[in-house]
Amino acid sequence: MLLLKGRTKSAEVEAESGFTILDLAMKAGVDWGFSCTRGTCARCRTLVEEGAAFLEDVTDAEWDRLEPEELEQGYRLGCQAVVKAGAGRIRAVNRFYF
């Protein structure tokens, strides 16, 4: 299960493997901030509050856009954070910079 919290809307959806957090937020109609979907704008900055182990490894785009401290705190880019097969409960909040 994936719990998503956008700017004004939240949703609980199935954590479909192979999809990004941003993909699933868009599919659920959650107002997730983004501009590019490629990991360059960082508007989809996401705080993974629970279930980070159920996401694929941090991508090069995330290493380039997020500070090491942000990664340690659980931040990911929603467009880069891909759900693993057999994922359990994940809770993610869109925490954009601006």
C-alpha atoms as a PDB file:
ATOM      1  CA  MET A   1       0.000   0.000   0.000  1.00  0.00           C
ATOM      2  CA  LEU A   2       1.216   3.490  -0.855  1.00  0.00           C
ATOM      3  CA  LEU A   3      -0.030   6.483   1.097  1.00  0.00           C
ATOM      4  CA  LEU A   4       0.522   9.707  -0.831  1.00  0.00           C
ATOM      5  CA  LYS A   5       0.149  13.239   0.517  1.00  0.00           C
ATOM      6  CA  GLY A   6       0.251  16.067  -2.012  1.00  0.00           C
ATOM      7  CA  ARG A   7      -0.313  19.781  -1.603  1.00  0.00           C
ATOM      8  CA  THR A   8      -4.076  19.562  -0.913  1.00  0.00           C
ATOM      9  CA  LYS A   9      -5.049  15.949  -1.636  1.00  0.00           C
ATOM     10  CA  SER A  10      -4.047  12.589  -0.211  1.00  0.00           C
ATOM     11  CA  ALA A  11      -4.690   9.087  -1.493  1.00  0.00           C
ATOM     12  CA  GLU A  12      -4.062   5.480  -0.587  1.00  0.00           C
ATOM     13  CA  VAL A  13      -3.207   3.363  -3.632  1.00  0.00           C
ATOM     14  CA  GLU A  14      -1.711   0.000  -4.484  1.00  0.00           C
ATOM     15  CA  ALA A  15       2.102   0.137  -4.527  1.00  0.00           C
ATOM     16  CA  GLU A  16       2.531  -1.087  -8.104  1.00  0.00           C
ATOM     17  CA  SER A  17       6.062  -2.312  -8.783  1.00  0.00           C
ATOM     18  CA  GLY A  18       7.958  -0.633 -11.586  1.00  0.00           C
ATOM     19  CA  PHE A  19       6.087   2.648 -11.185  1.00  0.00           C
ATOM     20  CA  THR A  20       7.498   5.772  -9.570  1.00  0.00           C
ATOM     21  CA  ILE A  21       5.891   7.596  -6.676  1.00  0.00           C
ATOM     22  CA  LEU A  22       5.122  10.426  -9.106  1.00  0.00           C
ATOM     23  CA  ASP A  23       3.491   8.003 -11.585  1.00  0.00           C
ATOM     24  CA  LEU A  24       1.209   6.655  -8.881  1.00  0.00           C
ATOM     25  CA  ALA A  25       0.398  10.118  -7.495  1.00  0.00           C
ATOM     26  CA  MET A  26      -0.599  11.331 -10.962  1.00  0.00           C
ATOM     27  CA  LYS A  27      -2.659   8.185 -11.551  1.00  0.00           C
ATOM     28  CA  ALA A  28      -4.498   8.809  -8.247  1.00  0.00           C
ATOM     29  CA  GLY A  29      -5.079  12.505  -8.985  1.00  0.00           C
ATOM     30  CA  VAL A  30      -2.896  13.681  -6.111  1.00  0.00           C
ATOM     31  CA  ASP A  31      -1.548  17.196  -6.653  1.00  0.00           C
ATOM     32  CA  TRP A  32       2.156  16.322  -6.680  1.00  0.00           C
ATOM     33  CA  GLY A  33       4.462  19.141  -7.732  1.00  0.00           C
ATOM     34  CA  PHE A  34       6.617  18.389 -10.770  1.00  0.00           C
ATOM     35  CA  SER A  35       7.817  19.950 -13.999  1.00  0.00           C
ATOM     36  CA  CYS A  36      10.078  17.552 -15.846  1.00  0.00           C
ATOM     37  CA  THR A  37       9.679  13.854 -14.783  1.00  0.00           C
ATOM     38  CA  ARG A  38      13.414  13.321 -15.516  1.00  0.00           C
ATOM     39  CA  GLY A  39      14.982  14.243 -12.179  1.00  0.00           C
ATOM     40  CA  THR A  40      16.339  17.627 -13.239  1.00  0.00           C
ATOM     41  CA  CYS A  41      13.890  20.125 -11.688  1.00  0.00           C
ATOM     42  CA  ALA A  42      13.571  18.545  -8.185  1.00  0.00           C
ATOM     43  CA  ARG A  43      10.004  19.913  -7.848  1.00  0.00           C
ATOM     44  CA  CYS A  44       8.812  16.387  -7.051  1.00  0.00           C
ATOM     45  CA  ARG A  45      11.027  16.269  -3.949  1.00  0.00           C
ATOM     46  CA  THR A  46       9.461  13.687  -1.671  1.00  0.00           C
ATOM     47  CA  LEU A  47       9.902  12.761   1.955  1.00  0.00           C
ATOM     48  CA  VAL A  48       9.546   9.009   2.352  1.00  0.00           C
ATOM     49  CA  GLU A  49       8.263   8.742   5.909  1.00  0.00           C
ATOM     50  CA  GLU A  50       7.864   4.964   5.858  1.00  0.00           C
ATOM     51  CA  GLY A  51       8.886   2.081   3.604  1.00  0.00           C
ATOM     52  CA  ALA A  52      12.052   3.424   1.958  1.00  0.00           C
ATOM     53  CA  ALA A  53      13.319  -0.167   1.759  1.00  0.00           C
ATOM     54  CA  PHE A  54      10.503  -0.917  -0.703  1.00  0.00           C
ATOM     55  CA  LEU A  55      11.923   1.545  -3.245  1.00  0.00           C
ATOM     56  CA  GLU A  56      14.707   0.941  -5.758  1.00  0.00           C
ATOM     57  CA  ASP A  57      18.133   2.466  -5.036  1.00  0.00           C
ATOM     58  CA  VAL A  58      18.771   6.198  -5.260  1.00  0.00           C
ATOM     59  CA  THR A  59      19.487   7.215  -8.866  1.00  0.00           C
ATOM     60  CA  ASP A  60      22.285   9.368 -10.263  1.00  0.00           C
ATOM     61  CA  ALA A  61      19.745  12.162 -10.851  1.00  0.00           C
ATOM     62  CA  GLU A  62      18.881  12.099  -7.145  1.00  0.00           C
ATOM     63  CA  TRP A  63      22.547  12.165  -6.122  1.00  0.00           C
ATOM     64  CA  ASP A  64      22.958  15.195  -8.409  1.00  0.00           C
ATOM     65  CA  ARG A  65      19.887  17.110  -7.172  1.00  0.00           C
ATOM     66  CA  LEU A  66      19.591  16.261  -3.481  1.00  0.00           C
ATOM     67  CA  GLU A  67      22.045  17.054  -0.725  1.00  0.00           C
ATOM     68  CA  PRO A  68      23.561  14.110   1.202  1.00  0.00           C
ATOM     69  CA  GLU A  69      21.721  15.305   4.332  1.00  0.00           C
ATOM     70  CA  GLU A  70      18.397  15.203   2.470  1.00  0.00           C
ATOM     71  CA  LEU A  71      19.035  11.638   1.324  1.00  0.00           C
ATOM     72  CA  GLU A  72      19.905  10.645   4.898  1.00  0.00           C
ATOM     73  CA  GLN A  73      16.638  12.197   6.130  1.00  0.00           C
ATOM     74  CA  GLY A  74      14.645  10.103   3.639  1.00  0.00           C
ATOM     75  CA  TYR A  75      14.148  12.525   0.770  1.00  0.00           C
ATOM     76  CA  ARG A  76      13.842  11.200  -2.776  1.00  0.00           C
ATOM     77  CA  LEU A  77      12.678  12.579  -6.098  1.00  0.00           C
ATOM     78  CA  GLY A  78       9.184  11.276  -6.769  1.00  0.00           C
ATOM     79  CA  CYS A  79       9.954  10.814 -10.462  1.00  0.00           C
ATOM     80  CA  GLN A  80      12.980   8.649  -9.669  1.00  0.00           C
ATOM     81  CA  ALA A  81      11.745   6.610  -6.676  1.00  0.00           C
ATOM     82  CA  VAL A  82      10.576   3.325  -8.226  1.00  0.00           C
ATOM     83  CA  VAL A  83       8.491   0.859  -6.221  1.00  0.00           C
ATOM     84  CA  LYS A  84      10.063  -2.618  -5.892  1.00  0.00           C
ATOM     85  CA  ALA A  85       8.203  -5.867  -6.542  1.00  0.00           C
ATOM     86  CA  GLY A  86       6.508  -7.175  -3.416  1.00  0.00           C
ATOM     87  CA  ALA A  87       6.528  -3.755  -1.770  1.00  0.00           C
ATOM     88  CA  GLY A  88       4.958  -3.286   1.623  1.00  0.00           C
ATOM     89  CA  ARG A  89       3.579  -0.115   3.125  1.00  0.00           C
ATOM     90  CA  ILE A  90       5.108   3.143   1.853  1.00  0.00           C
ATOM     91  CA  ARG A  91       4.179   6.621   3.069  1.00  0.00           C
ATOM     92  CA  ALA A  92       5.360   9.575   0.976  1.00  0.00           C
ATOM     93  CA  VAL A  93       4.790  13.330   1.205  1.00  0.00           C
ATOM     94  CA  ASN A  94       5.514  15.854  -1.551  1.00  0.00           C
ATOM     95  CA  ARG A  95       7.924  18.375   0.015  1.00  0.00           C
ATOM     96  CA  PHE A  96       8.918  20.717  -2.800  1.00  0.00           C
ATOM     97  CA  TYR A  97      11.364  23.575  -2.257  1.00  0.00           C
ATOM     98  CA  PHE A  98       9.186  26.394  -3.576  1.00  0.00           C
END
